[in-house]
Structure formats: structure tokens, C-alpha cells
Amino acid sequence: MADKVPTAWISVIPLELIEQRIFVIRGRKVMLDVDLAKLYQVPTKAYNQAVKRNLDRLPDDFIFQLSSEEAQVLRSQRVPVDKARET
């Protein structure tokens, strides 16, 4: 039987906030490291370090490297999380 997670640890994230951060690139659904780090409530640098340390535990298709052109397009289209909440 699985251990129960204390209620205080459970943080409900509205589905809409997650869906807004999913992009389809090259036919694959992806999320940016900055958004995943925010979901896990850790700095992006710490998130990326944890991913690098645990590569052998992650699925082969977990990491998706954007081209510089793709990154630029996303930067120009993306609304920062704090700004999106204000509207």
C-alpha cells in the first residue's frame, strides 16, 4: 500500500495554468524548464541540475532541446507568469 502524502504537502495547481505552458514543437508537447521549475517551486538552475544528475532515471524523450530560432519565437510569444495573473 502506498504511503499517504500529508495534506499540507499537496498543492493544487489549476489545470489551465499548466495547459497554458504546454507548447507543441516539432509535433511534440513540451514544457519549458522555467515553467517546470515554477511548478516544483524550485529555482530553474536547481531544476536543471537535478535533471542532469538523474538522466538515467528519466525517459529517453524527457529532454527536448530547442533550436535558437524556436527559443526566440517562444520568448517573443510568451507572457511571463506574473504578468498573466494580472490580466
Protein backbone atom coordinates (compact mmCIF):
# COMPACT_ATOMS: atom_id res chain seq x y z
CA MET A 1 0.00 0.00 0.00
CA ALA A 2 1.34 3.43 -0.97
CA ASP A 3 2.20 5.92 1.73
CA LYS A 4 -0.28 8.74 2.07
CA VAL A 5 1.02 12.21 1.31
CA PRO A 6 0.30 14.69 4.10
CA THR A 7 -2.42 17.12 3.06
CA ALA A 8 -0.12 20.06 3.83
CA TRP A 9 2.21 18.87 1.03
CA ILE A 10 -0.50 18.85 -1.62
CA SER A 11 -0.59 21.96 -3.74
CA VAL A 12 -3.39 22.18 -6.26
CA ILE A 13 -2.38 23.84 -9.49
CA PRO A 14 -5.23 24.85 -11.76
CA LEU A 15 -5.19 22.80 -14.95
CA GLU A 16 -5.49 25.98 -17.03
CA LEU A 17 -2.15 27.25 -15.70
CA ILE A 18 -0.44 24.03 -16.74
CA GLU A 19 -2.16 23.91 -20.13
CA GLN A 20 -1.03 27.48 -20.88
CA ARG A 21 2.57 26.37 -20.50
CA ILE A 22 2.42 23.40 -22.85
CA PHE A 23 3.74 24.11 -26.33
CA VAL A 24 3.65 21.91 -29.41
CA ILE A 25 7.06 22.00 -31.05
CA ARG A 26 8.04 19.66 -33.87
CA GLY A 27 4.83 17.74 -33.18
CA ARG A 28 5.67 17.11 -29.52
CA LYS A 29 4.08 18.58 -26.42
CA VAL A 30 6.77 20.26 -24.34
CA MET A 31 7.11 22.45 -21.27
CA LEU A 32 9.97 24.84 -20.65
CA ASP A 33 12.37 24.24 -17.79
CA VAL A 34 11.46 27.59 -16.25
CA ASP A 35 7.79 26.57 -16.07
CA LEU A 36 8.53 23.12 -14.69
CA ALA A 37 10.79 24.66 -12.05
CA LYS A 38 7.97 27.00 -11.02
CA LEU A 39 5.57 24.07 -10.74
CA TYR A 40 8.05 22.30 -8.46
CA GLN A 41 8.74 25.58 -6.63
CA VAL A 42 12.49 25.46 -7.15
CA PRO A 43 14.90 27.76 -8.99
CA THR A 44 15.36 26.88 -12.67
CA LYS A 45 19.08 26.28 -12.10
CA ALA A 46 18.33 23.75 -9.34
CA TYR A 47 15.73 22.03 -11.53
CA ASN A 48 18.20 21.67 -14.42
CA GLN A 49 20.91 20.37 -12.08
CA ALA A 50 18.50 17.75 -10.73
CA VAL A 51 17.63 16.66 -14.27
CA LYS A 52 21.33 16.32 -15.18
CA ARG A 53 22.02 14.30 -12.02
CA ASN A 54 19.13 11.94 -12.74
CA LEU A 55 19.34 11.41 -16.52
CA ASP A 56 19.43 7.63 -16.07
CA ARG A 57 16.07 7.75 -14.24
CA LEU A 58 14.26 9.84 -16.87
CA PRO A 59 12.56 8.60 -20.05
CA ASP A 60 14.60 8.99 -23.23
CA ASP A 61 12.22 11.61 -24.59
CA PHE A 62 12.13 13.71 -21.40
CA ILE A 63 14.65 16.30 -22.54
CA PHE A 64 13.89 18.39 -25.59
CA GLN A 65 16.46 20.90 -26.84
CA LEU A 66 15.07 23.95 -28.63
CA SER A 67 16.88 25.42 -31.59
CA SER A 68 17.88 29.07 -31.16
CA GLU A 69 15.13 30.05 -33.61
CA GLU A 70 12.49 28.12 -31.66
CA ALA A 71 13.66 29.68 -28.39
CA GLN A 72 13.42 33.16 -29.88
CA VAL A 73 9.87 32.54 -31.14
CA LEU A 74 8.80 31.27 -27.72
CA ARG A 75 10.38 34.25 -25.97
CA SER A 76 8.50 36.65 -28.22
CA GLN A 77 5.15 34.86 -27.74
CA ARG A 78 5.39 34.03 -24.06
CA VAL A 79 3.69 36.06 -21.35
CA PRO A 80 5.55 35.90 -18.02
CA VAL A 81 3.62 34.00 -15.34
CA ASP A 82 3.26 37.03 -13.04
CA LYS A 83 2.02 39.24 -15.90
CA ALA A 84 -0.54 36.61 -16.95
CA ARG A 85 -2.03 36.59 -13.47
CA GLU A 86 -2.53 40.37 -13.54
CA THR A 87 -4.82 40.20 -16.58
